[in-house]
Amino acid sequence: MNKKGLILIFLFVVSTVGIVALSNAAVDDNKVDVTINYVPSAYIEKGYVWVEFDERFLDDNFVFGENDVVSFSFSYDVAIEAFFGAVGYGYGTPTNDWFYEDQNNWTAGYTGTDLYNTTRFVGYMDVILDGYDMGISNFDVGADKGTYQEIPIQLDIGWHYLSITAAELVSDGNHTEWFWEYSNDAKKFYVGENSDIIPPLSAVAYFNEVNVTANKLASEDLPSQGYNITDWLDNPRPVAEANFATMYSTADEGDNETIVTTSIEANFNASDTNLNLVHAAWGVVFDNVYEMGPMTYMWTVNNGEMYIANDTYEPETLTGLNIGQNYVYFTVYGFVPDDIALNYGFAAPRVVADVAIFSIWVGDLPESTGLGFGILISVSILGLAAALFVRRRK
């Protein structure tokens, strides 16, 4: 496959059908037609995992009105695996850089400690707009390789949040211990009836907090995305799901006498084993496809601070809510075999992400049309080579 044929494209994918929270206002009166415009991103060599939105296109407190174009772009240095190579760290095959590098015992002043210079193994990044997960699949990594994409969409009048997170698995200089490293960036913007208005202040809910629970379930026990991990036609992968009972919440605004707490719960599954690798004809592959290496997860509130789980810390209470609409994201990063490599019979290691999204309204609701029913739409950035299959849920 010609890597230049892989371009960046947005696809709307119906992911879940469910009850939508209380409408913020009358459906027709509180919606504004805008166009989301993705401008191809740029790889910038930093030497470590890094993501950052381009403030020339979108910065905090930008205001947009009816029929305006909301453009965004970001720069990054993330060790993304692209089986046929790409412009980026490791030229799209960072796992091979890590696996095949020689120890640097030839350097001047050698003291007997054989270390490696390359420690970055593989990573991934994920973009979210409000309640839309814009997960990134295979594409040719590089500023001049993407495609401008415009998507007409309706957004509520009010504040909106765009975020990007990245996670990357790295090792120590001995290539024996593994660590996750992270980066994130976020922007908020306002959508009104026109772009000349002065938006209301985005007030912080200082006395509101969120209690979070993350339940690691067996893959077949996931409520809506369960799969049999031994069936490779069922696409074993990291999965994050919002517990439906806590997906949508409303909360009173707290004060200095009363802390108001909202509880939410996520279910997830991902490989969480040792990472054992061997050589194959086209590079490094999993030694055992049922032991695909470690995973990590994080919580973010309104795209602010990341609350990252690790061996010594389990996130339990989050702060950072605003008065009005809030989004809390539970993001799992974990390993899969590269889908393109699998077509050629090679289980090349790759990291991907999955997100569970929670909506929390703090304070008084605007005039409401009452309970509504609808479809949650997941916006995905997918390569043209990606295929969508409807699979029977187990």
Protein backbone atom coordinates (compact mmCIF):
# COMPACT_ATOMS: atom_id res chain seq x y z
CA MET A 1 0.00 0.00 0.00
CA ASN A 2 1.28 3.44 -0.87
CA LYS A 3 1.59 5.47 2.30
CA LYS A 4 0.90 8.64 0.32
CA GLY A 5 -2.54 7.27 -0.37
CA LEU A 6 -3.44 7.44 3.29
CA ILE A 7 -5.13 10.74 4.03
CA LEU A 8 -6.92 12.16 7.00
CA ILE A 9 -10.70 12.09 6.93
CA PHE A 10 -13.51 12.63 9.40
CA LEU A 11 -16.31 10.07 9.54
CA PHE A 12 -19.40 10.25 11.67
CA VAL A 13 -19.95 6.87 13.28
CA VAL A 14 -23.07 6.02 15.24
CA SER A 15 -21.66 4.53 18.39
CA THR A 16 -24.36 4.37 21.04
CA VAL A 17 -28.08 4.94 21.23
CA GLY A 18 -29.38 6.26 24.51
CA ILE A 19 -31.22 8.86 26.46
CA VAL A 20 -29.81 12.34 26.04
CA ALA A 21 -29.64 14.51 29.15
CA LEU A 22 -32.03 17.35 29.82
CA SER A 23 -31.88 19.68 26.86
CA ASN A 24 -30.13 22.95 27.63
CA ALA A 25 -32.87 24.86 25.84
CA ALA A 26 -35.35 24.54 23.02
CA VAL A 27 -33.63 22.46 20.36
CA ASP A 28 -34.10 24.95 17.53
CA ASP A 29 -33.43 28.09 19.56
CA ASN A 30 -30.22 27.05 21.26
CA LYS A 31 -28.33 25.52 18.33
CA VAL A 32 -25.93 27.30 15.99
CA ASP A 33 -24.74 25.96 12.63
CA VAL A 34 -20.94 26.05 12.35
CA THR A 35 -18.31 24.18 10.36
CA ILE A 36 -15.49 22.36 12.10
CA ASN A 37 -12.40 22.69 9.90
CA TYR A 38 -9.44 20.42 10.56
CA VAL A 39 -6.19 21.86 9.20
CA PRO A 40 -3.44 19.24 8.67
CA SER A 41 -1.22 18.86 11.71
CA ALA A 42 2.56 19.20 11.89
CA TYR A 43 5.23 16.91 13.30
CA ILE A 44 7.83 18.94 15.21
CA GLU A 45 10.78 17.09 16.68
CA LYS A 46 11.01 17.60 20.43
CA GLY A 47 12.63 14.37 21.54
CA TYR A 48 9.78 13.48 23.90
CA VAL A 49 6.01 13.02 23.75
CA TRP A 50 4.40 16.41 23.10
CA VAL A 51 1.16 17.87 21.70
CA GLU A 52 0.03 21.50 21.33
CA PHE A 53 -2.79 23.28 19.52
CA ASP A 54 -1.83 25.92 16.98
CA GLU A 55 -3.04 29.20 18.51
CA ARG A 56 -3.11 30.89 15.12
CA PHE A 57 -6.24 28.89 14.34
CA LEU A 58 -7.91 28.53 17.74
CA ASP A 59 -7.11 29.98 21.14
CA ASP A 60 -8.97 30.32 24.44
CA ASN A 61 -12.02 32.59 24.39
CA PHE A 62 -12.43 32.79 20.62
CA VAL A 63 -16.07 33.57 19.73
CA PHE A 64 -17.94 32.09 16.77
CA GLY A 65 -21.41 32.78 15.39
CA GLU A 66 -23.92 31.35 12.94
CA ASN A 67 -22.27 29.77 9.86
CA ASP A 68 -18.75 30.54 11.09
CA VAL A 69 -15.84 28.16 10.52
CA VAL A 70 -14.09 26.80 13.62
CA SER A 71 -10.62 25.83 12.40
CA PHE A 72 -8.09 23.94 14.45
CA SER A 73 -4.72 22.29 14.02
CA PHE A 74 -2.09 20.90 16.34
CA SER A 75 1.59 20.06 16.38
CA TYR A 76 3.04 16.97 17.99
CA ASP A 77 5.92 14.65 18.60
CA VAL A 78 4.39 11.26 19.32
CA ALA A 79 5.90 7.88 18.46
CA ILE A 80 2.94 6.75 16.37
CA GLU A 81 3.22 3.36 14.67
CA ALA A 82 2.40 3.42 10.94
CA PHE A 83 3.36 0.06 9.50
CA PHE A 84 4.44 1.31 6.07
CA GLY A 85 6.33 4.26 7.48
CA ALA A 86 5.54 7.97 7.72
CA VAL A 87 6.99 11.39 8.39
CA GLY A 88 7.42 11.47 12.14
CA TYR A 89 9.40 10.05 15.03
CA GLY A 90 10.98 6.80 13.87
CA TYR A 91 9.51 7.42 10.41
CA GLY A 92 6.38 5.61 11.48
CA THR A 93 8.14 2.52 12.83
CA PRO A 94 9.45 3.62 16.25
CA THR A 95 9.17 0.08 17.63
CA ASN A 96 11.89 -1.04 15.22
CA ASP A 97 14.11 1.89 16.25
CA TRP A 98 13.81 0.77 19.85
CA PHE A 99 14.19 -2.97 19.23
CA TYR A 100 17.14 -2.94 16.85
CA GLU A 101 19.29 -0.16 18.35
CA ASP A 102 22.73 -1.21 19.53
CA GLN A 103 23.98 -0.46 23.01
CA ASN A 104 26.23 2.58 23.11
CA ASN A 105 29.28 0.92 24.66
CA TRP A 106 31.52 2.30 21.90
CA THR A 107 31.34 5.90 23.15
CA ALA A 108 34.38 7.72 24.49
CA GLY A 109 34.79 7.44 28.22
CA TYR A 110 33.02 4.06 28.32
CA THR A 111 32.70 2.94 31.95
CA GLY A 112 31.30 -0.54 31.47
CA THR A 113 27.62 0.39 31.58
CA ASP A 114 25.98 -0.68 28.32
CA LEU A 115 22.97 1.58 27.78
CA TYR A 116 20.69 2.44 24.87
CA ASN A 117 20.11 5.90 23.49
CA THR A 118 16.63 5.07 22.19
CA THR A 119 14.01 4.62 24.89
CA ARG A 120 10.78 5.79 23.17
CA PHE A 121 8.82 2.73 22.03
CA VAL A 122 5.35 3.64 20.74
CA GLY A 123 2.50 6.03 21.55
CA TYR A 124 -0.77 7.56 20.43
CA MET A 125 -2.83 10.74 20.67
CA ASP A 126 -6.55 11.45 20.88
CA VAL A 127 -8.62 14.56 20.12
CA ILE A 128 -12.00 15.30 21.75
CA LEU A 129 -14.52 18.07 21.06
CA ASP A 130 -17.13 18.28 23.83
CA GLY A 131 -18.90 14.92 23.68
CA TYR A 132 -17.31 13.91 20.38
CA ASP A 133 -14.35 11.52 20.38
CA MET A 134 -12.14 12.31 17.40
CA GLY A 135 -9.80 9.34 17.73
CA ILE A 136 -6.94 9.15 15.25
CA SER A 137 -6.26 6.06 13.16
CA ASN A 138 -3.56 5.30 10.57
CA PHE A 139 -2.66 8.31 8.47
CA ASP A 140 0.48 9.64 6.91
CA VAL A 141 2.03 11.60 9.74
CA GLY A 142 3.25 14.97 8.54
CA ALA A 143 2.05 18.52 7.91
CA ASP A 144 1.94 18.16 4.14
CA LYS A 145 0.34 14.73 4.02
CA GLY A 146 -3.06 15.36 5.57
CA THR A 147 -6.23 16.69 3.98
CA TYR A 148 -8.24 19.71 5.00
CA GLN A 149 -11.58 18.45 6.33
CA GLU A 150 -14.75 20.48 6.86
CA ILE A 151 -17.70 19.09 8.84
CA PRO A 152 -21.00 21.00 9.20
CA ILE A 153 -22.29 20.57 12.74
CA GLN A 154 -24.74 22.16 15.18
CA LEU A 155 -23.35 23.32 18.54
CA ASP A 156 -25.22 24.65 21.56
CA ILE A 157 -24.91 28.32 22.35
CA GLY A 158 -22.31 28.39 25.12
CA TRP A 159 -18.77 27.36 25.94
CA HIS A 160 -17.14 24.44 24.14
CA TYR A 161 -13.97 22.47 24.79
CA LEU A 162 -11.37 20.99 22.46
CA SER A 163 -8.64 18.81 23.93
CA ILE A 164 -5.84 16.53 22.86
CA THR A 165 -4.01 13.99 25.00
CA ALA A 166 -1.08 11.77 24.17
CA ALA A 167 0.55 8.82 25.90
CA GLU A 168 3.77 7.06 25.01
CA LEU A 169 5.45 3.96 26.40
CA VAL A 170 9.19 4.44 27.04
CA SER A 171 11.87 2.36 28.71
CA ASP A 172 14.89 3.02 30.85
CA GLY A 173 18.36 3.01 29.29
CA ASN A 174 18.70 -0.71 29.96
CA HIS A 175 15.56 -1.54 27.95
CA THR A 176 14.26 -3.51 30.91
CA GLU A 177 11.75 -1.24 32.71
CA TRP A 178 8.74 0.48 31.14
CA PHE A 179 7.13 3.83 31.89
CA TRP A 180 4.24 5.82 30.43
CA GLU A 181 4.81 9.48 29.61
CA TYR A 182 2.04 11.95 28.79
CA SER A 183 1.18 15.29 27.25
CA ASN A 184 -2.01 17.28 26.74
CA ASP A 185 -3.34 20.63 25.59
CA ALA A 186 -6.78 22.23 25.59
CA LYS A 187 -8.72 25.19 24.24
CA LYS A 188 -12.14 26.56 25.07
CA PHE A 189 -14.23 28.69 22.73
CA TYR A 190 -17.68 30.24 22.73
CA VAL A 191 -20.47 29.80 20.21
CA GLY A 192 -23.22 32.45 20.05
CA GLU A 193 -25.82 33.70 17.60
CA ASN A 194 -23.09 35.91 16.11
CA SER A 195 -19.38 36.43 16.64
CA ASP A 196 -19.70 40.06 17.81
CA ILE A 197 -21.17 39.26 21.20
CA ILE A 198 -19.27 39.41 24.47
CA PRO A 199 -19.59 35.90 25.96
CA PRO A 200 -20.54 35.39 29.59
CA LEU A 201 -17.74 34.55 31.97
CA SER A 202 -16.86 30.88 32.34
CA ALA A 203 -17.21 30.62 36.13
CA VAL A 204 -15.43 27.90 38.09
CA ALA A 205 -17.51 25.67 40.36
CA TYR A 206 -15.05 25.81 43.24
CA PHE A 207 -17.27 23.80 45.57
CA ASN A 208 -18.21 21.00 43.20
CA GLU A 209 -16.21 17.85 42.71
CA VAL A 210 -16.46 14.49 40.99
CA ASN A 211 -15.91 11.08 42.55
CA VAL A 212 -14.70 8.59 39.93
CA THR A 213 -14.59 4.81 39.81
CA ALA A 214 -12.82 2.75 37.14
CA ASN A 215 -13.88 -0.90 36.93
CA LYS A 216 -11.55 -3.23 35.04
CA LEU A 217 -13.73 -5.99 33.58
CA ALA A 218 -13.01 -9.09 31.55
CA SER A 219 -13.41 -8.31 27.85
CA GLU A 220 -16.50 -10.50 27.53
CA ASP A 221 -18.15 -8.77 30.51
CA LEU A 222 -18.09 -5.25 29.08
CA PRO A 223 -21.75 -4.15 28.92
CA SER A 224 -21.91 -2.80 25.36
CA GLN A 225 -18.56 -3.55 23.69
CA GLY A 226 -17.80 -6.99 25.03
CA TYR A 227 -15.65 -9.29 22.93
CA ASN A 228 -13.88 -12.65 23.07
CA ILE A 229 -10.17 -11.92 23.37
CA THR A 230 -9.27 -15.30 21.84
CA ASP A 231 -11.21 -14.49 18.64
CA TRP A 232 -9.01 -12.29 16.46
CA LEU A 233 -11.87 -11.58 14.06
CA ASP A 234 -13.46 -9.81 17.03
CA ASN A 235 -10.69 -7.19 17.11
CA PRO A 236 -9.22 -7.36 20.65
CA ARG A 237 -8.57 -3.75 21.69
CA PRO A 238 -8.65 -1.31 24.61
CA VAL A 239 -12.25 -0.45 25.49
CA ALA A 240 -13.61 2.32 27.75
CA GLU A 241 -17.34 2.58 28.51
CA ALA A 242 -19.30 5.04 30.59
CA ASN A 243 -21.63 3.37 33.06
CA PHE A 244 -24.93 4.45 31.54
CA ALA A 245 -26.49 5.34 34.89
CA THR A 246 -23.79 7.99 35.44
CA MET A 247 -23.25 9.14 31.84
CA TYR A 248 -25.45 12.21 32.27
CA SER A 249 -25.68 14.11 35.55
CA THR A 250 -26.96 17.39 36.95
CA ALA A 251 -25.71 18.95 40.19
CA ASP A 252 -26.51 21.96 42.33
CA GLU A 253 -23.80 24.56 42.62
CA GLY A 254 -21.89 24.10 45.84
CA ASP A 255 -20.83 26.84 48.25
CA ASN A 256 -18.33 27.36 51.06
CA GLU A 257 -20.64 25.51 53.42
CA THR A 258 -21.54 22.57 51.19
CA ILE A 259 -19.34 20.63 48.79
CA VAL A 260 -21.54 19.05 46.10
CA THR A 261 -20.19 15.74 44.80
CA THR A 262 -21.16 13.95 41.59
CA SER A 263 -20.24 10.29 41.19
CA ILE A 264 -19.43 8.70 37.84
CA GLU A 265 -18.25 5.24 36.88
CA ALA A 266 -16.32 3.82 33.90
CA ASN A 267 -15.82 0.23 32.80
CA PHE A 268 -12.76 -0.74 30.80
CA ASN A 269 -10.52 -3.52 29.53
CA ALA A 270 -7.08 -3.52 27.94
CA SER A 271 -4.03 -5.75 27.81
CA ASP A 272 -2.03 -5.36 31.02
CA THR A 273 0.84 -7.84 30.76
CA ASN A 274 4.56 -7.93 30.15
CA LEU A 275 5.67 -6.77 26.71
CA ASN A 276 7.56 -9.61 25.02
CA LEU A 277 8.90 -8.93 21.52
CA VAL A 278 10.59 -10.96 18.79
CA HIS A 279 11.98 -10.35 15.31
CA ALA A 280 9.93 -11.11 12.19
CA ALA A 281 10.49 -10.56 8.48
CA TRP A 282 9.38 -6.90 8.51
CA GLY A 283 10.35 -5.90 12.01
CA VAL A 284 9.45 -6.38 15.65
CA VAL A 285 6.23 -8.22 16.57
CA PHE A 286 4.49 -9.56 19.67
CA ASP A 287 5.94 -12.86 20.87
CA ASN A 288 2.47 -13.79 22.17
CA VAL A 289 -0.63 -12.04 20.84
CA TYR A 290 -2.43 -12.76 24.11
CA GLU A 291 0.18 -10.79 26.06
CA MET A 292 0.26 -7.40 24.35
CA GLY A 293 1.95 -5.33 27.02
CA PRO A 294 0.89 -2.72 29.60
CA MET A 295 -1.90 -0.15 29.54
CA THR A 296 -2.59 3.19 31.20
CA TYR A 297 -5.59 5.43 31.77
CA MET A 298 -6.37 8.98 32.74
CA TRP A 299 -9.29 11.20 33.74
CA THR A 300 -9.58 14.80 32.51
CA VAL A 301 -12.12 17.46 33.45
CA ASN A 302 -13.08 20.08 30.88
CA ASN A 303 -9.77 19.26 29.22
CA GLY A 304 -7.76 20.58 32.10
CA GLU A 305 -5.40 18.70 34.36
CA MET A 306 -4.83 15.00 33.70
CA TYR A 307 -5.44 12.65 36.61
CA ILE A 308 -3.27 9.69 35.66
CA ALA A 309 -3.45 6.23 37.22
CA ASN A 310 -0.18 4.50 38.03
CA ASP A 311 1.29 1.96 40.43
CA THR A 312 1.08 4.32 43.40
CA TYR A 313 -1.92 6.53 42.58
CA GLU A 314 -5.54 5.76 41.75
CA PRO A 315 -7.63 8.87 40.89
CA GLU A 316 -10.68 9.12 43.14
CA THR A 317 -11.77 12.78 43.36
CA LEU A 318 -11.54 15.31 40.53
CA THR A 319 -11.95 19.07 40.63
CA GLY A 320 -12.09 21.68 37.88
CA LEU A 321 -15.79 21.82 37.03
CA ASN A 322 -17.37 25.01 35.68
CA ILE A 323 -20.83 26.43 36.24
CA GLY A 324 -22.95 25.07 33.38
CA GLN A 325 -21.95 22.30 30.99
CA ASN A 326 -18.97 20.10 31.86
CA TYR A 327 -17.36 17.07 30.28
CA VAL A 328 -15.30 14.45 32.06
CA TYR A 329 -13.24 12.03 29.98
CA PHE A 330 -11.94 8.60 30.91
CA THR A 331 -9.25 7.61 28.37
CA VAL A 332 -7.59 4.20 28.11
CA TYR A 333 -4.34 3.78 26.17
CA GLY A 334 -3.31 0.23 25.34
CA PHE A 335 -1.79 -2.12 22.78
CA VAL A 336 -3.25 -3.77 19.70
CA PRO A 337 -1.62 -5.46 16.70
CA ASP A 338 -1.33 -2.93 13.89
CA ASP A 339 -4.35 -3.55 11.65
CA ILE A 340 -2.48 -3.04 8.37
CA ALA A 341 0.41 -5.25 9.49
CA LEU A 342 -2.04 -7.99 10.44
CA ASN A 343 -3.25 -8.07 6.84
CA TYR A 344 0.26 -9.26 5.99
CA GLY A 345 0.44 -11.73 8.87
CA PHE A 346 2.56 -9.62 11.24
CA ALA A 347 1.40 -8.69 14.75
CA ALA A 348 3.34 -5.41 14.92
CA PRO A 349 2.74 -3.64 18.26
CA ARG A 350 0.71 -0.44 18.22
CA VAL A 351 -0.90 1.76 20.89
CA VAL A 352 -4.46 3.09 20.49
CA ALA A 353 -6.95 4.87 22.75
CA ASP A 354 -10.61 4.59 23.69
CA VAL A 355 -12.68 7.18 25.56
CA ALA A 356 -15.73 7.18 27.82
CA ILE A 357 -17.42 10.60 28.03
CA PHE A 358 -19.53 11.95 30.90
CA SER A 359 -21.71 15.06 30.81
CA ILE A 360 -22.27 17.03 34.04
CA TRP A 361 -24.39 20.20 34.27
CA VAL A 362 -23.66 22.32 37.37
CA GLY A 363 -26.19 24.92 38.52
CA ASP A 364 -29.61 25.95 37.23
CA LEU A 365 -30.69 24.52 33.89
CA PRO A 366 -31.88 26.96 31.23
CA GLU A 367 -35.41 26.62 29.90
CA SER A 368 -35.79 23.01 28.92
CA THR A 369 -37.88 20.98 26.55
CA GLY A 370 -37.64 18.12 29.03
CA LEU A 371 -36.19 14.68 28.44
CA GLY A 372 -35.12 14.02 24.92
CA PHE A 373 -34.05 10.90 23.08
CA GLY A 374 -31.27 10.80 20.55
CA ILE A 375 -28.16 9.20 19.23
CA LEU A 376 -24.69 9.85 20.57
CA ILE A 377 -22.43 10.51 17.62
CA SER A 378 -18.75 9.62 17.74
CA VAL A 379 -16.63 11.69 15.37
CA SER A 380 -13.58 9.78 14.21
CA ILE A 381 -10.53 10.80 12.24
CA LEU A 382 -9.89 7.69 10.18
CA GLY A 383 -7.59 6.78 7.32
CA LEU A 384 -9.25 5.74 4.08
CA ALA A 385 -7.67 2.33 4.56
CA ALA A 386 -9.73 1.75 7.72
CA ALA A 387 -12.83 -0.41 7.37
CA LEU A 388 -15.97 -0.40 9.51
CA PHE A 389 -17.63 -3.69 10.39
CA VAL A 390 -20.84 -4.37 12.28
CA ARG A 391 -20.05 -7.15 14.72
CA ARG A 392 -22.33 -9.17 16.88
CA ARG A 393 -21.96 -8.09 20.50
CA LYS A 394 -21.23 -10.95 22.85
